[in-house]
Amino acid sequence: MIRHVLRRTGVATLCRISARTPRIRMMPPARLLNSATSIPHVSHFLADTLVPKCTSCGITLQKTAPENAGFYIEPKPPSVEAKAAKAIKSADKVFSEHFSSLSDEDKALLLNGAEPDMIPTINAAKHKAKSVPASEKEGRQCLRCRNAYHRSAFDASEYQVETVGQVMDRIPANGKLIYVVSLVDFPMSLDESVFRHRSAKSMQFVITKTDLFFQTNNLASRYGLQFFQDYMFRKYGVPRNQVFVVSGKSDWNTDTFLDHVKDNSFFIGSVNSGKSTLLQLVAQIAKKQREKLPNARRERAKQKQQDGIILNARTYAAARERLKMWAKSKAENGPGASFMPGFTRGVIPLEISKAITVYDVPGFSGESAAHLYDFLSADSIKQLQKGALFHKTGTYLSKYVTAKEGQVVTVGGLFFLQVPRGCMFQVRNVINHKVHIFSNMEKAMEVWKHAKDPEAVRGLFLADHAKTDLVKHTVPPFDGSFDLVLRGLGFVNVKATGARPDPNNAEDLVVYLPKGVAAISRVPISKYITRTLSGRDKNGNVLRKEKWVQLSTKEIKRYTGKESFFEQILPTQE
C-alpha cells in the first residue's frame, strides 16, 4: 500500500493507492486524525494543518464559543508606531524630546564630541521595529493559556491532571520514552507505575532542575550524574548511558542530551517536573542547528549568549532583562510551560531536525497529588514551583533553626512536625517559603485555624485550613538526620542533636500533613551529591561530633543499593 498526501480544495487528504489497481480511496480528515498510531511522526503535523492547535497546551483551537475549551482570539498585528514606542525607553524618549528643542550650540556642548546618531529617536526605533523578523511573532494561544501567562489566572477544574494510564494510552506502542524526573522531590517524581507499561531498561531518564542543587554545571555533571546513574542502575537496571542530568532553565548539558535523542520519542513525567521547560530549550537549540552554522561557530555563539546573560551585564537589572529575553526566546520556540498542573492537554510535536521529531504529552500524577492544588492558591503554587537553592539552604554549612521537645515546625502549613520528648532538632529548609516554630501543637492549630489577628499571620501560611484536613503520620525511625520530602514541593533536612533519648521511653516522631500532601523519609541526599563531613580525621580516626567541623575530612558517598534510600510516611492507625 502506497500513501500519498494530496491537497484538494485547501484540505490535506491522505490517499491510498493500491499497487494492484488504479482505484483511489480518499481517507476523510476524521480518519486521518485517528491514524496517529500507524504514522505517529507524520499525522500530528497533518492534524495541525487540518485543525490548528494551541502552541502552548496542544488543545484544538476554536473561535466560535468563548465558554468552551480552546477558544482563540486572533491577535491584531501591532503597527510600526506601536513597535517603535515599545522599542524606545521612556527615559530616552523624554531625553530625545528635550534634546531636539535645544539650539545647535547647546546640542554640540551636550554631545561633547559624540556622534548625533547616538541619541535615541523615534525614527531610529521605527527602523528597528521594521527589522523585526516575522518569526518572532507570538504563536497561537488559546484564551486559557493567555490568561495563565499574563494574568496567572488559575481554575483547578480546568487543569485536570491525568493518570499514568491515561497518558500512556496516548503514546503509540513504537514510541520511545524519555522520562523527565525532577530533582526537587526525588525519587517521589519517579512513578514506578510507568514500568508496568514499559521496561525501565528501554527508557532514557533525564534529571531536571539541577541548577537548584548545584552551584555550577561542573558539579552537577560530576557528582549529580554519578549518583543518579548509580541509583537507576542499582535499582532498575537502567544502563548508565541512558541517564542524564540537565537544567532547562540554565541550559546545562542539553547539547549532550540532544545528541542521544531519537526520532519518535515521547517526553513523559510528573506534573511540574520541568518537562516542558526542557523541551523549550531543546527546540531553541534545534532552531539554531537548523541555521546550518559550522559546529565551532555555533558553539561560540551559544557560549557568548550564555556568558552575556550575567557576565556582560553591568547591573543586576540588566541581567534580569537578559534572562527575560532568553526565556521569551525559549517560549517562542517550544511548548508552553506553566506552574499550573495539567497545563499541557494534548500531544505537541516538535521537529528537532528533518530526521527527528519528538512529542510533549500531558504530565501525570496520582490521585492524592492532584488534590494538593485544591487548597493552594495560584500564587502559592507559583511561588513553591520556583524552588529553593539547595547549595545555599540544604548543606551542613547552611543556616538552620533549632526546635526543642514539644515544639512544632511548619513551612507554610504544608506540614506540622512535632518534636518528641527529650529531643532537639536542627532543621534546614529547602522549600521556597519561610519556616516557623510554634511552642506546641495547640498553639499551631489556634493560629492556623483561628487567628485573632489575620494581619499578624499574613504570609505565614500557604495552605488554606478551610479546604483541607490534617492527617497524622508517623515518621520511621532514623539515625542522625533525614530529609522530610513533600511531593512536588521540596524538603526539609532534620538532624537530631544533643543527648540521645532513652530508647525505652522514646516517643514516635509525628508529622501532620494536609490531606493530599504525600511525603517520604529519605536518607539526606547531600551525602550523595555533595562533599560532606566524613566524621574521620586525615588519619582515618573516628571523631567526636563536636570535632567534625574543625577536623573531619570530606567525602562523597556512592549509592550501592544495599541500604534503603527512602521510606514511605504512612498515616497513623488510630
Protein backbone atom coordinates (compact mmCIF):
# COMPACT_ATOMS: atom_id res chain seq x y z
CA MET A 1 0.00 0.00 0.00
CA ILE A 2 1.43 3.39 -1.03
CA ARG A 3 0.39 6.54 0.83
CA HIS A 4 0.29 9.94 -0.81
CA VAL A 5 -0.69 13.33 0.55
CA LEU A 6 -2.83 15.39 -1.82
CA ARG A 7 -4.13 18.92 -1.49
CA ARG A 8 -7.70 19.26 -2.62
CA THR A 9 -9.81 22.37 -2.11
CA GLY A 10 -7.36 23.56 0.52
CA VAL A 11 -7.71 20.44 2.72
CA ALA A 12 -4.96 17.88 3.16
CA THR A 13 -6.29 14.39 2.31
CA LEU A 14 -4.50 11.09 2.67
CA CYS A 15 -4.97 8.77 -0.30
CA ARG A 16 -4.32 5.06 -0.51
CA ILE A 17 -3.28 3.76 -3.91
CA SER A 18 -3.29 0.03 -4.37
CA ALA A 19 -0.43 -1.49 -6.34
CA ARG A 20 -2.84 -3.94 -8.00
CA THR A 21 -5.50 -1.50 -9.15
CA PRO A 22 -5.61 2.18 -10.08
CA ARG A 23 -8.57 2.70 -7.76
CA ILE A 24 -8.04 5.58 -5.32
CA ARG A 25 -9.61 5.66 -1.87
CA MET A 26 -9.87 9.05 -0.13
CA MET A 27 -9.33 8.99 3.61
CA PRO A 28 -11.55 11.59 5.29
CA PRO A 29 -9.97 14.11 7.70
CA ALA A 30 -11.69 12.48 10.70
CA ARG A 31 -9.97 9.17 9.97
CA LEU A 32 -6.74 10.96 9.30
CA LEU A 33 -6.68 12.41 12.80
CA ASN A 34 -7.12 8.96 14.27
CA SER A 35 -4.23 7.41 12.35
CA ALA A 36 -1.60 8.55 14.87
CA THR A 37 -0.67 5.05 15.90
CA SER A 38 0.28 3.95 12.37
CA ILE A 39 2.24 7.05 11.34
CA PRO A 40 2.78 8.99 14.57
CA HIS A 41 5.57 11.30 13.38
CA VAL A 42 3.56 12.49 10.37
CA SER A 43 -0.04 12.50 11.49
CA HIS A 44 0.32 15.20 14.13
CA PHE A 45 1.69 17.69 11.63
CA LEU A 46 -1.11 16.85 9.21
CA ALA A 47 -3.60 17.23 12.02
CA ASP A 48 -2.19 20.66 12.85
CA THR A 49 -2.69 21.63 9.22
CA LEU A 50 -6.30 20.46 9.26
CA VAL A 51 -7.18 21.70 12.74
CA PRO A 52 -4.95 24.40 14.31
CA LYS A 53 -3.83 23.70 17.88
CA CYS A 54 -2.66 25.87 20.75
CA THR A 55 1.12 26.15 20.61
CA SER A 56 1.28 26.13 24.43
CA CYS A 57 -1.01 23.34 25.62
CA GLY A 58 -1.79 21.46 22.38
CA ILE A 59 -5.60 21.73 22.56
CA THR A 60 -7.63 22.15 19.36
CA LEU A 61 -8.45 25.82 18.77
CA GLN A 62 -11.87 27.25 18.00
CA LYS A 63 -13.20 30.82 17.54
CA THR A 64 -16.96 30.40 18.00
CA ALA A 65 -17.62 29.53 21.66
CA PRO A 66 -15.77 31.63 24.26
CA GLU A 67 -17.14 29.49 27.12
CA ASN A 68 -15.67 26.27 25.66
CA ALA A 69 -12.12 24.95 25.80
CA GLY A 70 -9.71 26.03 23.11
CA PHE A 71 -11.26 29.43 22.41
CA TYR A 72 -8.85 31.53 20.40
CA ILE A 73 -8.75 35.25 19.63
CA GLU A 74 -6.80 36.21 16.52
CA PRO A 75 -4.27 38.86 17.63
CA LYS A 76 -4.00 42.05 15.62
CA PRO A 77 -0.53 42.73 14.25
CA PRO A 78 1.00 45.76 16.00
CA SER A 79 1.61 48.87 13.94
CA VAL A 80 5.06 50.19 13.21
CA GLU A 81 4.35 53.12 15.54
CA ALA A 82 3.41 50.77 18.36
CA LYS A 83 6.56 48.73 17.86
CA ALA A 84 8.59 51.91 17.82
CA ALA A 85 7.06 53.14 21.06
CA LYS A 86 7.91 49.80 22.68
CA ALA A 87 11.43 49.73 21.25
CA ILE A 88 12.48 53.05 22.76
CA LYS A 89 12.73 53.52 26.53
CA SER A 90 10.52 56.14 28.14
CA ALA A 91 13.54 57.92 29.64
CA ASP A 92 15.23 58.03 26.24
CA LYS A 93 12.03 59.39 24.70
CA VAL A 94 11.91 62.28 27.18
CA PHE A 95 15.60 62.98 26.61
CA SER A 96 15.12 62.93 22.83
CA GLU A 97 12.27 65.44 23.03
CA HIS A 98 14.27 67.85 25.19
CA PHE A 99 17.39 67.40 23.06
CA SER A 100 15.52 68.27 19.85
CA SER A 101 14.35 71.56 21.40
CA LEU A 102 17.92 72.72 22.11
CA SER A 103 19.92 75.08 19.90
CA ASP A 104 22.73 73.73 17.74
CA GLU A 105 25.30 75.26 20.09
CA ASP A 106 23.76 73.61 23.16
CA LYS A 107 23.50 70.28 21.33
CA ALA A 108 27.20 70.39 20.43
CA LEU A 109 28.08 71.26 24.02
CA LEU A 110 25.96 68.41 25.40
CA LEU A 111 27.30 65.84 22.95
CA ASN A 112 30.90 66.74 23.83
CA GLY A 113 32.28 65.19 20.66
CA ALA A 114 29.83 62.25 20.43
CA GLU A 115 28.00 61.49 17.21
CA PRO A 116 24.43 62.88 16.96
CA ASP A 117 23.10 59.46 15.92
CA MET A 118 23.91 58.19 19.41
CA ILE A 119 20.81 59.98 20.63
CA PRO A 120 17.76 57.66 20.56
CA THR A 121 14.95 58.86 18.33
CA ILE A 122 11.54 57.66 17.33
CA ASN A 123 12.69 57.32 13.71
CA ALA A 124 15.51 55.00 14.76
CA ALA A 125 13.08 52.98 16.80
CA LYS A 126 10.78 52.70 13.78
CA HIS A 127 13.64 51.39 11.70
CA LYS A 128 14.41 48.86 14.43
CA ALA A 129 10.77 47.81 14.65
CA LYS A 130 10.57 47.23 10.90
CA SER A 131 13.62 44.99 11.06
CA VAL A 132 12.00 42.54 13.50
CA PRO A 133 11.63 39.23 11.66
CA ALA A 134 8.24 37.61 11.31
CA SER A 135 9.49 34.53 13.16
CA GLU A 136 9.36 36.47 16.42
CA LYS A 137 5.59 36.82 16.26
CA GLU A 138 3.61 35.23 19.07
CA GLY A 139 2.33 31.74 18.38
CA ARG A 140 -1.30 30.70 18.54
CA GLN A 141 -2.51 30.51 22.14
CA CYS A 142 -5.94 29.66 23.49
CA LEU A 143 -7.58 32.10 25.88
CA ARG A 144 -6.86 29.77 28.82
CA CYS A 145 -3.13 29.80 28.17
CA ARG A 146 -3.02 33.57 27.62
CA ASN A 147 -4.74 34.12 30.97
CA ALA A 148 -2.31 31.73 32.62
CA TYR A 149 0.72 33.51 31.20
CA HIS A 150 -0.29 37.13 31.56
CA ARG A 151 -2.72 37.11 34.50
CA SER A 152 -1.71 34.00 36.46
CA ALA A 153 -5.37 33.01 36.27
CA PHE A 154 -5.88 29.53 37.68
CA ASP A 155 -9.01 27.41 37.91
CA ALA A 156 -8.31 23.93 39.27
CA SER A 157 -11.32 22.48 37.45
CA GLU A 158 -9.77 23.48 34.11
CA TYR A 159 -6.44 21.80 34.86
CA GLN A 160 -7.35 18.18 35.42
CA VAL A 161 -4.28 16.04 35.92
CA GLU A 162 -4.22 12.75 34.01
CA THR A 163 -3.14 9.42 35.46
CA VAL A 164 -0.18 7.38 34.26
CA GLY A 165 -2.50 5.02 32.40
CA GLN A 166 -4.29 7.85 30.59
CA VAL A 167 -1.01 9.39 29.45
CA MET A 168 0.46 6.06 28.35
CA ASP A 169 -2.65 5.37 26.27
CA ARG A 170 -1.79 8.45 24.21
CA ILE A 171 1.61 7.02 23.24
CA PRO A 172 1.85 4.50 20.37
CA ALA A 173 3.48 1.16 21.02
CA ASN A 174 6.51 2.02 18.87
CA GLY A 175 7.05 5.36 20.60
CA LYS A 176 10.31 5.73 22.53
CA LEU A 177 10.10 7.14 26.05
CA ILE A 178 12.19 9.85 27.68
CA TYR A 179 11.27 10.06 31.37
CA VAL A 180 11.82 13.54 32.84
CA VAL A 181 12.33 13.40 36.61
CA SER A 182 12.53 16.40 38.94
CA LEU A 183 15.39 16.52 41.41
CA VAL A 184 13.36 18.67 43.83
CA ASP A 185 11.47 15.74 45.38
CA PHE A 186 13.48 12.79 44.06
CA PRO A 187 12.57 9.92 43.99
CA MET A 188 8.89 10.82 44.52
CA SER A 189 8.77 12.28 41.00
CA LEU A 190 9.74 8.82 39.69
CA ASP A 191 6.42 6.94 39.43
CA GLU A 192 7.10 3.20 39.29
CA SER A 193 3.65 2.51 37.81
CA VAL A 194 5.11 3.65 34.48
CA PHE A 195 7.20 0.48 34.47
CA ARG A 196 4.03 -1.61 34.24
CA HIS A 197 3.63 -0.28 30.71
CA ARG A 198 7.28 -0.20 29.61
CA SER A 199 10.52 -1.64 30.89
CA ALA A 200 12.76 0.86 32.66
CA LYS A 201 15.74 -0.50 30.73
CA SER A 202 14.18 0.66 27.45
CA MET A 203 13.77 4.30 28.57
CA GLN A 204 16.01 7.30 28.80
CA PHE A 205 15.92 9.26 32.07
CA VAL A 206 16.57 12.98 32.40
CA ILE A 207 17.02 14.54 35.84
CA THR A 208 15.98 18.20 35.69
CA LYS A 209 16.19 21.33 37.86
CA THR A 210 19.82 20.59 38.75
CA ASP A 211 20.54 24.33 38.87
CA LEU A 212 18.59 24.43 42.15
CA PHE A 213 21.01 21.95 43.73
CA PHE A 214 24.41 22.68 42.22
CA GLN A 215 26.26 25.96 42.01
CA THR A 216 27.91 25.06 38.69
CA ASN A 217 27.32 22.71 35.79
CA ASN A 218 30.67 21.05 36.53
CA LEU A 219 29.46 19.94 39.98
CA ALA A 220 26.17 18.70 38.55
CA SER A 221 27.96 16.71 35.84
CA ARG A 222 30.48 15.28 38.30
CA TYR A 223 28.57 14.41 41.46
CA GLY A 224 24.94 14.60 40.36
CA LEU A 225 25.34 12.41 37.29
CA GLN A 226 27.35 9.87 39.27
CA PHE A 227 24.64 9.43 41.90
CA PHE A 228 21.67 9.21 39.53
CA GLN A 229 23.43 6.77 37.24
CA ASP A 230 24.27 4.65 40.29
CA TYR A 231 20.71 4.83 41.59
CA MET A 232 18.95 4.00 38.31
CA PHE A 233 21.37 1.17 37.56
CA ARG A 234 21.27 -0.42 41.02
CA LYS A 235 17.52 -0.13 41.50
CA TYR A 236 16.08 -0.59 38.00
CA GLY A 237 18.94 -1.95 35.88
CA VAL A 238 18.98 1.14 33.62
CA PRO A 239 22.23 1.42 31.62
CA ARG A 240 24.32 4.36 32.78
CA ASN A 241 24.48 5.93 29.33
CA GLN A 242 20.68 6.31 29.39
CA VAL A 243 20.70 8.68 32.40
CA PHE A 244 21.32 12.43 32.02
CA VAL A 245 21.37 15.45 34.32
CA VAL A 246 20.27 18.77 32.82
CA SER A 247 18.86 22.17 33.62
CA GLY A 248 16.29 23.52 31.21
CA LYS A 249 16.50 26.94 32.87
CA SER A 250 20.28 27.33 32.85
CA ASP A 251 20.98 25.21 29.75
CA TRP A 252 23.20 22.63 31.42
CA ASN A 253 24.16 19.52 29.39
CA THR A 254 21.28 19.94 26.94
CA ASP A 255 23.57 19.61 23.92
CA THR A 256 24.92 16.30 25.20
CA PHE A 257 21.42 15.06 25.90
CA LEU A 258 20.16 16.21 22.49
CA ASP A 259 22.80 14.10 20.77
CA HIS A 260 21.15 10.99 22.26
CA VAL A 261 17.52 11.89 21.44
CA LYS A 262 15.97 9.56 18.89
CA ASP A 263 13.16 10.06 16.42
CA ASN A 264 9.60 9.39 17.60
CA SER A 265 10.49 10.00 21.26
CA PHE A 266 7.80 11.00 23.75
CA PHE A 267 8.72 13.10 26.79
CA ILE A 268 6.82 11.89 29.87
CA GLY A 269 6.95 12.94 33.51
CA SER A 270 5.02 14.01 36.59
CA VAL A 271 3.35 17.41 36.68
CA ASN A 272 5.79 20.28 37.12
CA SER A 273 8.80 18.05 36.57
CA GLY A 274 10.37 20.60 34.23
CA LYS A 275 9.43 18.64 31.11
CA SER A 276 8.01 21.50 29.02
CA THR A 277 10.80 23.88 30.09
CA LEU A 278 13.35 21.33 28.91
CA LEU A 279 11.52 20.92 25.61
CA GLN A 280 11.50 24.68 25.10
CA LEU A 281 15.27 24.70 25.37
CA VAL A 282 15.63 21.65 23.12
CA ALA A 283 13.50 23.39 20.49
CA GLN A 284 15.61 26.53 20.77
CA ILE A 285 18.84 24.59 20.29
CA ALA A 286 17.33 22.72 17.35
CA LYS A 287 16.37 26.03 15.76
CA LYS A 288 19.97 27.21 15.95
CA GLN A 289 21.18 23.95 14.48
CA ARG A 290 18.86 24.39 11.53
CA GLU A 291 20.66 27.64 10.74
CA LYS A 292 23.40 25.38 9.33
CA LEU A 293 26.26 27.12 11.05
CA PRO A 294 29.55 25.22 11.46
CA ASN A 295 29.69 23.45 14.80
CA ALA A 296 32.56 25.53 16.13
CA ARG A 297 30.86 28.78 15.16
CA ARG A 298 27.54 27.64 16.65
CA GLU A 299 29.20 26.70 19.92
CA ARG A 300 30.97 30.06 20.14
CA ALA A 301 27.69 31.89 19.51
CA LYS A 302 25.89 29.85 22.14
CA GLN A 303 28.65 30.37 24.71
CA LYS A 304 28.65 34.10 24.02
CA GLN A 305 24.90 34.23 24.56
CA GLN A 306 25.10 32.35 27.86
CA ASP A 307 28.04 34.37 29.17
CA GLY A 308 26.36 37.61 28.23
CA ILE A 309 23.39 36.83 30.43
CA ILE A 310 25.26 37.62 33.62
CA LEU A 311 28.91 38.32 32.95
CA ASN A 312 28.38 41.08 30.43
CA ALA A 313 25.53 42.69 32.35
CA ARG A 314 26.72 45.84 34.11
CA THR A 315 23.89 45.88 36.59
CA TYR A 316 21.56 43.39 38.23
CA ALA A 317 18.62 44.96 36.41
CA ALA A 318 20.39 44.40 33.09
CA ALA A 319 21.00 40.77 34.00
CA ARG A 320 17.32 40.30 34.74
CA GLU A 321 16.37 41.80 31.39
CA ARG A 322 18.75 39.46 29.58
CA LEU A 323 17.26 36.47 31.41
CA LYS A 324 13.76 37.59 30.43
CA MET A 325 14.78 37.87 26.79
CA TRP A 326 16.31 34.41 26.87
CA ALA A 327 13.18 32.93 28.47
CA LYS A 328 11.00 34.64 25.85
CA SER A 329 13.12 33.15 23.10
CA LYS A 330 12.67 29.66 24.55
CA ALA A 331 8.92 30.13 24.92
CA GLU A 332 8.56 31.17 21.29
CA ASN A 333 10.27 28.02 20.07
CA GLY A 334 8.73 25.36 22.26
CA PRO A 335 5.58 24.24 24.06
CA GLY A 336 4.05 26.23 26.88
CA ALA A 337 5.47 25.82 30.37
CA SER A 338 3.48 26.81 33.43
CA PHE A 339 3.42 26.30 37.17
CA MET A 340 -0.17 25.04 36.91
CA PRO A 341 -0.59 21.25 36.98
CA GLY A 342 -2.22 19.75 33.93
CA PHE A 343 -1.24 22.72 31.74
CA THR A 344 -0.41 20.57 28.70
CA ARG A 345 -3.58 18.92 27.37
CA GLY A 346 -2.61 17.46 24.02
CA VAL A 347 0.25 15.78 22.19
CA ILE A 348 2.53 18.54 20.89
CA PRO A 349 5.03 17.63 18.15
CA LEU A 350 8.44 19.32 17.92
CA GLU A 351 10.61 18.92 14.84
CA ILE A 352 14.19 18.76 16.09
CA SER A 353 15.60 18.09 12.63
CA LYS A 354 14.45 16.70 9.30
CA ALA A 355 15.05 13.22 10.69
CA ILE A 356 13.94 13.65 14.33
CA THR A 357 10.53 14.60 15.72
CA VAL A 358 9.75 14.43 19.43
CA TYR A 359 6.48 14.90 21.33
CA ASP A 360 5.36 16.57 24.53
CA VAL A 361 2.48 14.88 26.37
CA PRO A 362 0.48 15.88 29.48
CA GLY A 363 2.15 15.39 32.84
CA PHE A 364 0.69 12.72 35.07
CA SER A 365 0.10 12.41 38.77
CA GLY A 366 -1.51 10.20 41.36
CA GLU A 367 -4.92 10.99 42.82
CA SER A 368 -3.54 12.25 46.13
CA ALA A 369 -1.12 14.65 44.47
CA ALA A 370 -3.89 16.09 42.32
CA HIS A 371 -5.76 17.16 45.49
CA LEU A 372 -2.74 19.17 46.57
CA TYR A 373 -3.88 22.08 44.44
CA ASP A 374 -7.33 22.18 45.98
CA PHE A 375 -6.09 24.12 48.99
CA LEU A 376 -3.23 26.11 47.43
CA SER A 377 -3.75 29.35 45.55
CA ALA A 378 -2.26 30.04 42.12
CA ASP A 379 0.26 32.45 43.64
CA SER A 380 1.28 29.86 46.23
CA ILE A 381 1.81 27.20 43.58
CA LYS A 382 3.85 29.61 41.51
CA GLN A 383 6.00 30.51 44.50
CA LEU A 384 6.65 26.90 45.52
CA GLN A 385 7.48 25.76 41.99
CA LYS A 386 10.35 28.26 41.81
CA GLY A 387 12.12 26.10 44.38
CA ALA A 388 14.89 26.93 46.85
CA LEU A 389 18.64 26.77 46.29
CA PHE A 390 19.89 23.61 47.95
CA HIS A 391 23.56 24.62 47.84
CA LYS A 392 22.64 27.67 49.96
CA THR A 393 19.95 26.27 52.28
CA GLY A 394 20.43 22.49 52.49
CA THR A 395 24.10 21.72 53.18
CA TYR A 396 25.81 21.25 56.55
CA LEU A 397 27.14 24.82 56.28
CA SER A 398 23.67 26.34 55.75
CA LYS A 399 21.71 28.20 58.41
CA TYR A 400 19.26 26.19 60.50
CA VAL A 401 16.56 26.67 63.10
CA THR A 402 16.54 24.76 66.37
CA ALA A 403 13.36 23.10 67.63
CA LYS A 404 13.09 21.61 71.14
CA GLU A 405 10.81 18.96 72.64
CA GLY A 406 7.13 19.73 72.28
CA GLN A 407 7.64 22.46 69.68
CA VAL A 408 6.12 22.26 66.20
CA VAL A 409 7.92 23.13 62.97
CA THR A 410 5.98 24.17 59.88
CA VAL A 411 6.62 25.68 56.45
CA GLY A 412 3.51 27.46 55.23
CA GLY A 413 1.19 24.89 56.81
CA LEU A 414 2.39 22.27 54.30
CA PHE A 415 3.36 20.10 57.26
CA PHE A 416 3.46 20.28 61.08
CA LEU A 417 6.41 18.39 62.57
CA GLN A 418 6.17 17.81 66.32
CA VAL A 419 9.45 17.30 68.20
CA PRO A 420 9.24 14.26 70.55
CA ARG A 421 10.00 14.41 74.27
CA GLY A 422 13.71 14.53 75.11
CA CYS A 423 14.75 15.52 71.56
CA MET A 424 16.16 18.59 69.87
CA PHE A 425 16.33 19.10 66.10
CA GLN A 426 18.26 21.27 63.69
CA VAL A 427 16.01 21.99 60.67
CA ARG A 428 17.28 23.24 57.31
CA ASN A 429 14.53 24.38 54.98
CA VAL A 430 14.74 23.66 51.22
CA ILE A 431 11.18 24.80 50.43
CA ASN A 432 10.58 28.20 48.90
CA HIS A 433 8.77 29.61 51.94
CA LYS A 434 9.86 30.70 55.41
CA VAL A 435 9.97 28.24 58.30
CA HIS A 436 8.17 28.93 61.59
CA ILE A 437 8.28 27.27 65.02
CA PHE A 438 5.29 27.12 67.41
CA SER A 439 5.55 26.36 71.11
CA ASN A 440 3.18 23.38 70.82
CA MET A 441 0.60 21.79 68.54
CA GLU A 442 -2.33 23.51 70.22
CA LYS A 443 -0.82 26.93 69.55
CA ALA A 444 -0.07 25.98 65.93
CA MET A 445 -3.68 24.94 65.32
CA GLU A 446 -5.04 28.02 67.06
CA VAL A 447 -3.04 30.33 64.81
CA TRP A 448 -3.66 28.29 61.66
CA LYS A 449 -7.42 27.98 62.07
CA HIS A 450 -8.47 30.75 64.43
CA ALA A 451 -6.02 33.61 64.19
CA LYS A 452 -7.40 36.58 66.18
CA ASP A 453 -5.32 38.98 64.13
CA PRO A 454 -5.22 37.80 60.48
CA GLU A 455 -2.86 40.61 59.52
CA ALA A 456 -0.30 39.40 62.04
CA VAL A 457 -0.03 35.99 60.35
CA ARG A 458 -0.36 37.20 56.77
CA GLY A 459 2.15 35.35 54.62
CA LEU A 460 2.79 32.73 57.31
CA PHE A 461 0.61 30.01 55.76
CA LEU A 462 0.17 28.88 52.17
CA ALA A 463 -2.29 26.07 52.83
CA ASP A 464 -5.95 27.01 53.40
CA HIS A 465 -7.17 25.20 56.52
CA ALA A 466 -10.81 25.57 55.42
CA LYS A 467 -10.18 23.44 52.31
CA THR A 468 -8.32 20.51 53.84
CA ASP A 469 -7.95 18.37 56.95
CA LEU A 470 -4.78 17.33 58.74
CA VAL A 471 -3.82 13.67 58.78
CA LYS A 472 -1.45 12.30 61.44
CA HIS A 473 1.59 10.37 60.16
CA THR A 474 4.44 8.60 61.92
CA VAL A 475 7.98 9.07 60.63
CA PRO A 476 10.07 5.87 60.50
CA PRO A 477 12.99 5.72 62.99
CA PHE A 478 16.18 7.38 61.76
CA ASP A 479 19.76 7.74 62.90
CA GLY A 480 21.39 11.15 62.84
CA SER A 481 19.39 13.01 60.19
CA PHE A 482 16.84 12.57 57.40
CA ASP A 483 15.08 14.54 54.67
CA LEU A 484 11.33 15.04 55.00
CA VAL A 485 10.35 15.21 51.31
CA LEU A 486 6.98 16.57 50.15
CA ARG A 487 5.84 15.60 46.65
CA GLY A 488 6.35 18.46 44.22
CA LEU A 489 7.18 20.98 46.96
CA GLY A 490 10.71 20.38 48.25
CA PHE A 491 12.04 19.10 51.54
CA VAL A 492 13.48 19.95 54.94
CA ASN A 493 16.51 18.31 56.48
CA VAL A 494 16.01 17.26 60.10
CA LYS A 495 19.05 16.49 62.23
CA ALA A 496 18.84 15.20 65.79
CA THR A 497 21.25 16.94 68.14
CA GLY A 498 22.07 16.86 71.82
CA ALA A 499 21.84 13.77 74.03
CA ARG A 500 20.15 10.65 72.71
CA PRO A 501 16.77 9.97 74.34
CA ASP A 502 16.21 6.81 76.34
CA PRO A 503 15.11 4.20 73.75
CA ASN A 504 12.76 2.62 76.29
CA ASN A 505 10.83 5.86 76.76
CA ALA A 506 11.32 7.37 73.30
CA GLU A 507 8.28 8.82 71.56
CA ASP A 508 7.46 8.41 67.88
CA LEU A 509 8.24 11.31 65.59
CA VAL A 510 4.89 12.62 64.39
CA VAL A 511 4.14 14.84 61.40
CA TYR A 512 0.70 16.18 60.44
CA LEU A 513 0.12 16.58 56.71
CA PRO A 514 -2.80 18.26 54.92
CA LYS A 515 -4.92 15.72 53.10
CA GLY A 516 -3.43 15.47 49.62
CA VAL A 517 0.21 16.00 50.62
CA ALA A 518 2.34 12.90 50.13
CA ALA A 519 5.69 12.59 51.90
CA ILE A 520 8.65 10.24 52.35
CA SER A 521 11.57 9.94 54.74
CA ARG A 522 14.81 9.97 52.74
CA VAL A 523 18.47 9.50 53.53
CA PRO A 524 19.96 13.02 53.28
CA ILE A 525 20.60 13.47 49.58
CA SER A 526 23.54 15.74 50.42
CA LYS A 527 25.54 12.59 51.21
CA TYR A 528 25.35 11.50 47.57
CA ILE A 529 25.53 14.75 45.58
CA THR A 530 27.88 16.97 47.63
CA ARG A 531 31.10 16.55 49.58
CA THR A 532 30.15 16.30 53.24
CA LEU A 533 31.95 15.63 56.53
CA SER A 534 33.06 12.02 56.87
CA GLY A 535 33.37 12.01 60.67
CA ARG A 536 37.04 10.88 60.44
CA ASP A 537 40.29 12.82 60.56
CA LYS A 538 43.03 12.66 57.93
CA ASN A 539 44.43 9.53 59.59
CA GLY A 540 41.07 7.72 59.46
CA ASN A 541 40.32 8.02 63.18
CA VAL A 542 36.67 8.43 64.24
CA LEU A 543 35.97 11.90 65.63
CA ARG A 544 33.57 13.10 68.28
CA LYS A 545 30.71 15.13 66.71
CA GLU A 546 31.86 18.39 68.28
CA LYS A 547 35.17 17.97 66.39
CA TRP A 548 33.68 17.26 62.97
CA VAL A 549 33.63 20.78 61.58
CA GLN A 550 37.22 21.50 62.59
CA LEU A 551 38.96 18.20 61.90
CA SER A 552 36.76 15.98 59.68
CA THR A 553 37.76 15.14 56.14
CA LYS A 554 35.19 15.49 53.34
CA GLU A 555 33.84 12.76 51.15
CA ILE A 556 31.00 11.94 48.78
CA LYS A 557 29.14 8.69 49.34
CA ARG A 558 28.40 6.31 46.43
CA TYR A 559 24.96 4.68 46.25
CA THR A 560 25.37 0.90 46.33
CA GLY A 561 21.76 -0.18 46.58
CA LYS A 562 22.48 -2.19 49.73
CA GLU A 563 20.84 0.32 52.05
CA SER A 564 17.31 1.72 51.83
CA PHE A 565 17.32 5.19 50.31
CA PHE A 566 13.81 6.22 51.37
CA GLU A 567 10.72 5.02 53.25
CA GLN A 568 7.07 5.95 52.87
CA ILE A 569 5.46 8.05 55.60
CA LEU A 570 2.09 6.44 56.16
CA PRO A 571 -0.96 7.64 58.09
CA THR A 572 -1.14 6.57 61.72
CA GLN A 573 -3.80 4.00 62.56
CA GLU A 574 -5.81 5.39 65.49
